[in-house]
Amino acid sequence: MNKTIIFASIGAVALLGVLFVLQNTPTDSETPKSAIENAQVASEAVLFISPHTNETVSVVFGDGSAKFSNDTYKDVLVPQAEAASGSRYVNEELGLMLWNKGAELVVYEDDIVIFEGQTEDSMGNPNPGAIDVLASALQANSWVWKETRMTDGTVIKPKEVESFTLTFDGKGNVIGQTDCNGFGGNYTVTDDVLAMGPFMMTMMYCDGSQEMEFQAMLDEPVTFMFTDAGELVLTLPQSSGSVIFTPVL
């Protein structure tokens, strides 16, 4: 009699176990949630301020994604992507990319810088180590002008590929070449700001040259950074556009 009760109990437990497994097994009709849907976004926003325009943006950093807000976008979800340094977030549908490293944030829209700033409590307190790395990377290669992307959507490309170059020697001297003349001058790096000139230049005349257009991009101090692909990006004053250079390997 006791054995019958024991076997019956074991059978009941086994049956309950089978039912539990069946109830918790996904069916073919269930659609797995995307990484965006599964992203757990934190509740506290971080405010970034542009030292150039005083524009502000806010970012809520979460697990695998970030929520971005500015004058145009409100709580846009931007999934995290691979990055060689810092943290990178990309929303391919909107063409948005956020690059964050420490207290700094750069925002791109369709590969054009639309914001560059840092947290309020870090303003005026740059990281010397990070600045040294930037300055060293600047002089590690010669640079060839690839294109300039303006915020109004205009894209300027050199007519003669690889004709426009910059080389920094690490001692405050920069030399360059246009599609017509060679030039040279001084440069300084302060935080992430690059200032070049005044320049001395040879005086050849070349019909149809883009020399003056190129020189105008270098006349005023610009902020600079490096992309994951190793390109040098100069952000023009007032964030009006980005001048992109590729390294000479």
C-alpha atoms as a PDB file:
ATOM      1  CA  MET A   1       0.000   0.000   0.000  1.00  0.00           C
ATOM      2  CA  ASN A   2       2.791   2.406   0.931  1.00  0.00           C
ATOM      3  CA  LYS A   3       4.676   1.572  -2.278  1.00  0.00           C
ATOM      4  CA  THR A   4       1.584   2.406  -4.338  1.00  0.00           C
ATOM      5  CA  ILE A   5       1.286   5.818  -2.684  1.00  0.00           C
ATOM      6  CA  ILE A   6       4.993   6.544  -3.232  1.00  0.00           C
ATOM      7  CA  PHE A   7       4.858   5.616  -6.943  1.00  0.00           C
ATOM      8  CA  ALA A   8       1.707   7.687  -7.412  1.00  0.00           C
ATOM      9  CA  SER A   9       3.393  10.710  -5.808  1.00  0.00           C
ATOM     10  CA  ILE A  10       6.472  10.346  -8.012  1.00  0.00           C
ATOM     11  CA  GLY A  11       4.260  10.134 -11.097  1.00  0.00           C
ATOM     12  CA  ALA A  12       2.363  13.276 -10.117  1.00  0.00           C
ATOM     13  CA  VAL A  13       5.587  15.242  -9.604  1.00  0.00           C
ATOM     14  CA  ALA A  14       6.934  14.074 -12.962  1.00  0.00           C
ATOM     15  CA  LEU A  15       3.698  15.093 -14.707  1.00  0.00           C
ATOM     16  CA  LEU A  16       3.836  18.559 -13.138  1.00  0.00           C
ATOM     17  CA  GLY A  17       7.438  18.909 -14.326  1.00  0.00           C
ATOM     18  CA  VAL A  18       6.489  18.054 -17.917  1.00  0.00           C
ATOM     19  CA  LEU A  19       3.613  20.556 -17.847  1.00  0.00           C
ATOM     20  CA  PHE A  20       5.948  23.291 -16.510  1.00  0.00           C
ATOM     21  CA  VAL A  21       8.467  22.690 -19.315  1.00  0.00           C
ATOM     22  CA  LEU A  22       5.754  22.739 -21.979  1.00  0.00           C
ATOM     23  CA  GLN A  23       4.287  25.990 -20.656  1.00  0.00           C
ATOM     24  CA  ASN A  24       7.689  27.712 -20.667  1.00  0.00           C
ATOM     25  CA  THR A  25       8.928  26.511 -24.053  1.00  0.00           C
ATOM     26  CA  PRO A  26       8.768  29.287 -26.714  1.00  0.00           C
ATOM     27  CA  THR A  27       6.526  28.556 -29.665  1.00  0.00           C
ATOM     28  CA  ASP A  28       7.336  29.300 -33.286  1.00  0.00           C
ATOM     29  CA  SER A  29       4.837  32.166 -33.220  1.00  0.00           C
ATOM     30  CA  GLU A  30       6.765  34.063 -30.531  1.00  0.00           C
ATOM     31  CA  THR A  31       8.999  36.833 -31.922  1.00  0.00           C
ATOM     32  CA  PRO A  32      12.257  37.424 -30.009  1.00  0.00           C
ATOM     33  CA  LYS A  33      12.680  40.975 -28.774  1.00  0.00           C
ATOM     34  CA  SER A  34      15.320  43.122 -30.395  1.00  0.00           C
ATOM     35  CA  ALA A  35      18.350  44.447 -28.566  1.00  0.00           C
ATOM     36  CA  ILE A  36      16.704  47.883 -28.559  1.00  0.00           C
ATOM     37  CA  GLU A  37      13.530  46.566 -26.916  1.00  0.00           C
ATOM     38  CA  ASN A  38      15.578  44.727 -24.319  1.00  0.00           C
ATOM     39  CA  ALA A  39      17.796  47.737 -23.531  1.00  0.00           C
ATOM     40  CA  GLN A  40      17.443  48.842 -19.950  1.00  0.00           C
ATOM     41  CA  VAL A  41      17.834  52.596 -19.896  1.00  0.00           C
ATOM     42  CA  ALA A  42      18.837  54.336 -16.692  1.00  0.00           C
ATOM     43  CA  SER A  43      16.633  57.083 -15.268  1.00  0.00           C
ATOM     44  CA  GLU A  44      19.125  59.921 -14.758  1.00  0.00           C
ATOM     45  CA  ALA A  45      20.117  62.180 -17.665  1.00  0.00           C
ATOM     46  CA  VAL A  46      23.630  63.584 -18.130  1.00  0.00           C
ATOM     47  CA  LEU A  47      23.744  67.174 -19.412  1.00  0.00           C
ATOM     48  CA  PHE A  48      26.481  68.144 -21.892  1.00  0.00           C
ATOM     49  CA  ILE A  49      27.294  71.760 -22.796  1.00  0.00           C
ATOM     50  CA  SER A  50      29.089  73.091 -25.874  1.00  0.00           C
ATOM     51  CA  PRO A  51      31.805  75.570 -24.826  1.00  0.00           C
ATOM     52  CA  HIS A  52      31.519  77.201 -28.266  1.00  0.00           C
ATOM     53  CA  THR A  53      27.769  77.813 -28.552  1.00  0.00           C
ATOM     54  CA  ASN A  54      26.415  77.075 -25.026  1.00  0.00           C
ATOM     55  CA  GLU A  55      24.043  74.584 -26.659  1.00  0.00           C
ATOM     56  CA  THR A  56      23.012  71.731 -24.366  1.00  0.00           C
ATOM     57  CA  VAL A  57      22.037  68.123 -25.005  1.00  0.00           C
ATOM     58  CA  SER A  58      21.083  65.384 -22.575  1.00  0.00           C
ATOM     59  CA  VAL A  59      21.904  61.690 -22.680  1.00  0.00           C
ATOM     60  CA  VAL A  60      20.548  58.895 -20.512  1.00  0.00           C
ATOM     61  CA  PHE A  61      23.101  56.092 -20.603  1.00  0.00           C
ATOM     62  CA  GLY A  62      21.742  52.590 -20.101  1.00  0.00           C
ATOM     63  CA  ASP A  63      22.658  48.958 -20.543  1.00  0.00           C
ATOM     64  CA  GLY A  64      23.409  48.602 -24.262  1.00  0.00           C
ATOM     65  CA  SER A  65      21.817  51.860 -25.396  1.00  0.00           C
ATOM     66  CA  ALA A  66      21.401  55.560 -24.698  1.00  0.00           C
ATOM     67  CA  LYS A  67      18.514  58.020 -24.931  1.00  0.00           C
ATOM     68  CA  PHE A  68      19.458  61.261 -26.679  1.00  0.00           C
ATOM     69  CA  SER A  69      17.641  64.607 -26.546  1.00  0.00           C
ATOM     70  CA  ASN A  70      18.353  68.022 -28.056  1.00  0.00           C
ATOM     71  CA  ASP A  71      16.325  70.770 -29.754  1.00  0.00           C
ATOM     72  CA  THR A  72      15.442  68.398 -32.611  1.00  0.00           C
ATOM     73  CA  TYR A  73      15.212  64.971 -30.976  1.00  0.00           C
ATOM     74  CA  LYS A  74      13.423  63.875 -27.809  1.00  0.00           C
ATOM     75  CA  ASP A  75      14.423  60.663 -26.020  1.00  0.00           C
ATOM     76  CA  VAL A  76      15.713  58.995 -29.191  1.00  0.00           C
ATOM     77  CA  LEU A  77      16.976  55.497 -28.445  1.00  0.00           C
ATOM     78  CA  VAL A  78      20.498  54.939 -29.807  1.00  0.00           C
ATOM     79  CA  PRO A  79      21.914  51.385 -29.509  1.00  0.00           C
ATOM     80  CA  GLN A  80      25.509  50.917 -28.397  1.00  0.00           C
ATOM     81  CA  ALA A  81      28.025  49.861 -31.064  1.00  0.00           C
ATOM     82  CA  GLU A  82      31.629  48.700 -31.070  1.00  0.00           C
ATOM     83  CA  ALA A  83      34.259  51.386 -30.491  1.00  0.00           C
ATOM     84  CA  ALA A  84      38.045  51.411 -30.527  1.00  0.00           C
ATOM     85  CA  SER A  85      38.009  53.852 -27.618  1.00  0.00           C
ATOM     86  CA  GLY A  86      35.322  55.416 -25.483  1.00  0.00           C
ATOM     87  CA  SER A  87      31.679  54.465 -26.089  1.00  0.00           C
ATOM     88  CA  ARG A  88      29.869  54.712 -29.404  1.00  0.00           C
ATOM     89  CA  TYR A  89      26.108  54.655 -29.998  1.00  0.00           C
ATOM     90  CA  VAL A  90      24.544  54.464 -33.469  1.00  0.00           C
ATOM     91  CA  ASN A  91      20.978  54.897 -34.722  1.00  0.00           C
ATOM     92  CA  GLU A  92      21.318  53.988 -38.402  1.00  0.00           C
ATOM     93  CA  GLU A  93      17.728  54.910 -39.272  1.00  0.00           C
ATOM     94  CA  LEU A  94      18.242  58.542 -38.194  1.00  0.00           C
ATOM     95  CA  GLY A  95      21.925  58.715 -39.136  1.00  0.00           C
ATOM     96  CA  LEU A  96      22.823  59.596 -35.540  1.00  0.00           C
ATOM     97  CA  MET A  97      26.073  58.649 -33.835  1.00  0.00           C
ATOM     98  CA  LEU A  98      27.119  59.555 -30.293  1.00  0.00           C
ATOM     99  CA  TRP A  99      30.757  59.223 -29.227  1.00  0.00           C
ATOM    100  CA  ASN A 100      31.379  59.523 -25.504  1.00  0.00           C
ATOM    101  CA  LYS A 101      34.667  59.362 -23.659  1.00  0.00           C
ATOM    102  CA  GLY A 102      34.749  60.370 -20.014  1.00  0.00           C
ATOM    103  CA  ALA A 103      33.113  63.780 -19.703  1.00  0.00           C
ATOM    104  CA  GLU A 104      33.183  64.487 -23.461  1.00  0.00           C
ATOM    105  CA  LEU A 105      30.467  63.945 -26.068  1.00  0.00           C
ATOM    106  CA  VAL A 106      30.495  64.367 -29.855  1.00  0.00           C
ATOM    107  CA  VAL A 107      27.258  63.946 -31.828  1.00  0.00           C
ATOM    108  CA  TYR A 108      27.167  63.257 -35.570  1.00  0.00           C
ATOM    109  CA  GLU A 109      24.202  63.397 -37.921  1.00  0.00           C
ATOM    110  CA  ASP A 110      24.866  61.866 -41.347  1.00  0.00           C
ATOM    111  CA  ASP A 111      28.629  62.010 -40.590  1.00  0.00           C
ATOM    112  CA  ILE A 112      28.494  65.743 -39.789  1.00  0.00           C
ATOM    113  CA  VAL A 113      29.328  66.992 -36.297  1.00  0.00           C
ATOM    114  CA  ILE A 114      26.222  68.717 -34.895  1.00  0.00           C
ATOM    115  CA  PHE A 115      27.380  68.950 -31.284  1.00  0.00           C
ATOM    116  CA  GLU A 116      30.621  68.809 -29.348  1.00  0.00           C
ATOM    117  CA  GLY A 117      30.751  69.426 -25.616  1.00  0.00           C
ATOM    118  CA  GLN A 118      31.355  68.142 -22.122  1.00  0.00           C
ATOM    119  CA  THR A 119      29.676  67.908 -18.740  1.00  0.00           C
ATOM    120  CA  GLU A 120      29.378  71.174 -16.837  1.00  0.00           C
ATOM    121  CA  ASP A 121      31.478  70.039 -13.874  1.00  0.00           C
ATOM    122  CA  SER A 122      34.382  69.091 -16.167  1.00  0.00           C
ATOM    123  CA  MET A 123      34.540  72.323 -18.171  1.00  0.00           C
ATOM    124  CA  GLY A 124      37.903  73.982 -17.749  1.00  0.00           C
ATOM    125  CA  ASN A 125      39.421  70.778 -16.371  1.00  0.00           C
ATOM    126  CA  PRO A 126      40.776  68.822 -19.361  1.00  0.00           C
ATOM    127  CA  ASN A 127      42.425  65.453 -18.923  1.00  0.00           C
ATOM    128  CA  PRO A 128      46.155  66.069 -19.620  1.00  0.00           C
ATOM    129  CA  GLY A 129      46.763  62.423 -20.473  1.00  0.00           C
ATOM    130  CA  ALA A 130      44.001  62.423 -23.074  1.00  0.00           C
ATOM    131  CA  ILE A 131      45.327  65.657 -24.591  1.00  0.00           C
ATOM    132  CA  ASP A 132      48.836  64.179 -24.866  1.00  0.00           C
ATOM    133  CA  VAL A 133      47.391  61.197 -26.724  1.00  0.00           C
ATOM    134  CA  LEU A 134      45.575  63.513 -29.156  1.00  0.00           C
ATOM    135  CA  ALA A 135      48.712  65.562 -29.828  1.00  0.00           C
ATOM    136  CA  SER A 136      50.797  62.417 -30.358  1.00  0.00           C
ATOM    137  CA  ALA A 137      48.253  60.947 -32.773  1.00  0.00           C
ATOM    138  CA  LEU A 138      48.280  64.202 -34.739  1.00  0.00           C
ATOM    139  CA  GLN A 139      52.001  63.940 -35.491  1.00  0.00           C
ATOM    140  CA  ALA A 140      52.009  60.170 -36.023  1.00  0.00           C
ATOM    141  CA  ASN A 141      51.012  60.511 -39.695  1.00  0.00           C
ATOM    142  CA  SER A 142      50.816  62.884 -42.598  1.00  0.00           C
ATOM    143  CA  TRP A 143      47.206  63.662 -43.468  1.00  0.00           C
ATOM    144  CA  VAL A 144      45.413  63.885 -46.816  1.00  0.00           C
ATOM    145  CA  TRP A 145      42.247  65.960 -47.220  1.00  0.00           C
ATOM    146  CA  LYS A 146      39.382  63.600 -48.043  1.00  0.00           C
ATOM    147  CA  GLU A 147      36.349  65.894 -47.949  1.00  0.00           C
ATOM    148  CA  THR A 148      34.551  68.624 -46.036  1.00  0.00           C
ATOM    149  CA  ARG A 149      30.957  68.136 -44.893  1.00  0.00           C
ATOM    150  CA  MET A 150      29.043  71.306 -44.047  1.00  0.00           C
ATOM    151  CA  THR A 151      26.037  71.315 -41.735  1.00  0.00           C
ATOM    152  CA  ASP A 152      23.827  72.576 -44.584  1.00  0.00           C
ATOM    153  CA  GLY A 153      24.484  69.301 -46.413  1.00  0.00           C
ATOM    154  CA  THR A 154      27.140  70.641 -48.795  1.00  0.00           C
ATOM    155  CA  VAL A 155      30.035  68.249 -49.416  1.00  0.00           C
ATOM    156  CA  ILE A 156      33.311  69.637 -50.777  1.00  0.00           C
ATOM    157  CA  LYS A 157      35.821  67.181 -52.215  1.00  0.00           C
ATOM    158  CA  PRO A 158      39.260  67.806 -53.710  1.00  0.00           C
ATOM    159  CA  LYS A 159      39.238  67.650 -57.494  1.00  0.00           C
ATOM    160  CA  GLU A 160      42.745  66.204 -57.419  1.00  0.00           C
ATOM    161  CA  VAL A 161      42.795  63.316 -54.960  1.00  0.00           C
ATOM    162  CA  GLU A 162      45.708  63.312 -52.471  1.00  0.00           C
ATOM    163  CA  SER A 163      46.867  66.780 -53.555  1.00  0.00           C
ATOM    164  CA  PHE A 164      46.113  68.484 -50.225  1.00  0.00           C
ATOM    165  CA  THR A 165      48.215  67.379 -47.259  1.00  0.00           C
ATOM    166  CA  LEU A 166      49.198  68.356 -43.715  1.00  0.00           C
ATOM    167  CA  THR A 167      52.180  67.109 -41.698  1.00  0.00           C
ATOM    168  CA  PHE A 168      52.823  68.007 -38.037  1.00  0.00           C
ATOM    169  CA  ASP A 169      56.356  67.509 -36.695  1.00  0.00           C
ATOM    170  CA  GLY A 170      55.553  67.498 -32.967  1.00  0.00           C
ATOM    171  CA  LYS A 171      57.703  70.605 -32.421  1.00  0.00           C
ATOM    172  CA  GLY A 172      55.126  73.214 -33.368  1.00  0.00           C
ATOM    173  CA  ASN A 173      55.771  73.192 -37.122  1.00  0.00           C
ATOM    174  CA  VAL A 174      53.282  72.180 -39.801  1.00  0.00           C
ATOM    175  CA  ILE A 175      53.943  71.865 -43.518  1.00  0.00           C
ATOM    176  CA  GLY A 176      51.419  71.214 -46.240  1.00  0.00           C
ATOM    177  CA  GLN A 177      50.713  70.970 -49.921  1.00  0.00           C
ATOM    178  CA  THR A 178      47.774  72.130 -52.010  1.00  0.00           C
ATOM    179  CA  ASP A 179      46.944  71.390 -55.638  1.00  0.00           C
ATOM    180  CA  CYS A 180      49.188  74.329 -56.530  1.00  0.00           C
ATOM    181  CA  ASN A 181      51.614  75.444 -53.797  1.00  0.00           C
ATOM    182  CA  GLY A 182      53.477  74.246 -50.760  1.00  0.00           C
ATOM    183  CA  PHE A 183      53.143  76.046 -47.423  1.00  0.00           C
ATOM    184  CA  GLY A 184      54.410  75.973 -43.863  1.00  0.00           C
ATOM    185  CA  GLY A 185      53.844  77.603 -40.505  1.00  0.00           C
ATOM    186  CA  ASN A 186      53.358  77.037 -36.801  1.00  0.00           C
ATOM    187  CA  TYR A 187      50.700  75.129 -34.898  1.00  0.00           C
ATOM    188  CA  THR A 188      49.622  74.769 -31.276  1.00  0.00           C
ATOM    189  CA  VAL A 189      47.441  72.231 -29.487  1.00  0.00           C
ATOM    190  CA  THR A 190      45.500  73.446 -26.448  1.00  0.00           C
ATOM    191  CA  ASP A 191      43.195  70.834 -24.962  1.00  0.00           C
ATOM    192  CA  ASP A 192      41.476  69.526 -28.122  1.00  0.00           C
ATOM    193  CA  VAL A 193      41.832  72.802 -30.044  1.00  0.00           C
ATOM    194  CA  LEU A 194      44.244  73.012 -32.980  1.00  0.00           C
ATOM    195  CA  ALA A 195      45.443  76.429 -34.178  1.00  0.00           C
ATOM    196  CA  MET A 196      47.582  76.746 -37.318  1.00  0.00           C
ATOM    197  CA  GLY A 197      49.377  79.645 -38.987  1.00  0.00           C
ATOM    198  CA  PRO A 198      50.255  82.162 -40.093  1.00  0.00           C
ATOM    199  CA  PHE A 199      51.506  80.338 -43.174  1.00  0.00           C
ATOM    200  CA  MET A 200      54.245  81.109 -45.671  1.00  0.00           C
ATOM    201  CA  MET A 201      53.468  79.808 -49.165  1.00  0.00           C
ATOM    202  CA  THR A 202      55.067  79.515 -52.572  1.00  0.00           C
ATOM    203  CA  MET A 203      53.504  81.854 -55.128  1.00  0.00           C
ATOM    204  CA  MET A 204      52.590  79.759 -58.170  1.00  0.00           C
ATOM    205  CA  TYR A 205      49.312  80.489 -59.951  1.00  0.00           C
ATOM    206  CA  CYS A 206      47.150  77.531 -60.954  1.00  0.00           C
ATOM    207  CA  ASP A 207      43.901  78.000 -62.837  1.00  0.00           C
ATOM    208  CA  GLY A 208      40.956  76.242 -61.174  1.00  0.00           C
ATOM    209  CA  SER A 209      42.876  75.555 -57.960  1.00  0.00           C
ATOM    210  CA  GLN A 210      40.960  74.870 -54.725  1.00  0.00           C
ATOM    211  CA  GLU A 211      43.842  76.297 -52.714  1.00  0.00           C
ATOM    212  CA  MET A 212      42.022  79.331 -51.281  1.00  0.00           C
ATOM    213  CA  GLU A 213      39.038  77.191 -50.317  1.00  0.00           C
ATOM    214  CA  PHE A 214      41.298  74.740 -48.493  1.00  0.00           C
ATOM    215  CA  GLN A 215      43.303  77.465 -46.752  1.00  0.00           C
ATOM    216  CA  ALA A 216      40.104  79.084 -45.465  1.00  0.00           C
ATOM    217  CA  MET A 217      39.337  75.867 -43.568  1.00  0.00           C
ATOM    218  CA  LEU A 218      42.626  76.204 -41.668  1.00  0.00           C
ATOM    219  CA  ASP A 219      42.576  79.934 -40.885  1.00  0.00           C
ATOM    220  CA  GLU A 220      40.796  79.733 -37.518  1.00  0.00           C
ATOM    221  CA  PRO A 221      41.353  77.452 -34.503  1.00  0.00           C
ATOM    222  CA  VAL A 222      39.378  74.217 -34.762  1.00  0.00           C
ATOM    223  CA  THR A 223      38.611  71.344 -32.437  1.00  0.00           C
ATOM    224  CA  PHE A 224      39.876  67.971 -33.579  1.00  0.00           C
ATOM    225  CA  MET A 225      39.324  64.284 -32.911  1.00  0.00           C
ATOM    226  CA  PHE A 226      40.021  60.893 -34.467  1.00  0.00           C
ATOM    227  CA  THR A 227      37.431  58.409 -35.694  1.00  0.00           C
ATOM    228  CA  ASP A 228      37.492  54.655 -35.120  1.00  0.00           C
ATOM    229  CA  ALA A 229      38.713  54.332 -38.716  1.00  0.00           C
ATOM    230  CA  GLY A 230      41.755  56.485 -37.874  1.00  0.00           C
ATOM    231  CA  GLU A 231      40.609  59.586 -39.752  1.00  0.00           C
ATOM    232  CA  LEU A 232      41.398  63.076 -38.476  1.00  0.00           C
ATOM    233  CA  VAL A 233      38.312  65.291 -38.146  1.00  0.00           C
ATOM    234  CA  LEU A 234      38.571  69.070 -37.748  1.00  0.00           C
ATOM    235  CA  THR A 235      35.343  70.676 -36.547  1.00  0.00           C
ATOM    236  CA  LEU A 236      34.990  74.141 -38.058  1.00  0.00           C
ATOM    237  CA  PRO A 237      34.068  77.172 -35.893  1.00  0.00           C
ATOM    238  CA  GLN A 238      30.439  77.331 -34.737  1.00  0.00           C
ATOM    239  CA  SER A 239      30.187  73.626 -35.665  1.00  0.00           C
ATOM    240  CA  SER A 240      29.524  74.732 -39.252  1.00  0.00           C
ATOM    241  CA  GLY A 241      31.091  71.604 -40.718  1.00  0.00           C
ATOM    242  CA  SER A 242      33.774  68.935 -40.496  1.00  0.00           C
ATOM    243  CA  VAL A 243      37.017  68.682 -42.469  1.00  0.00           C
ATOM    244  CA  ILE A 244      38.029  65.029 -42.798  1.00  0.00           C
ATOM    245  CA  PHE A 245      41.576  63.793 -43.438  1.00  0.00           C
ATOM    246  CA  THR A 246      42.845  60.257 -43.978  1.00  0.00           C
ATOM    247  CA  PRO A 247      46.283  59.133 -42.777  1.00  0.00           C
ATOM    248  CA  VAL A 248      49.133  58.512 -45.196  1.00  0.00           C
ATOM    249  CA  LEU A 249      50.190  54.972 -44.311  1.00  0.00           C
END
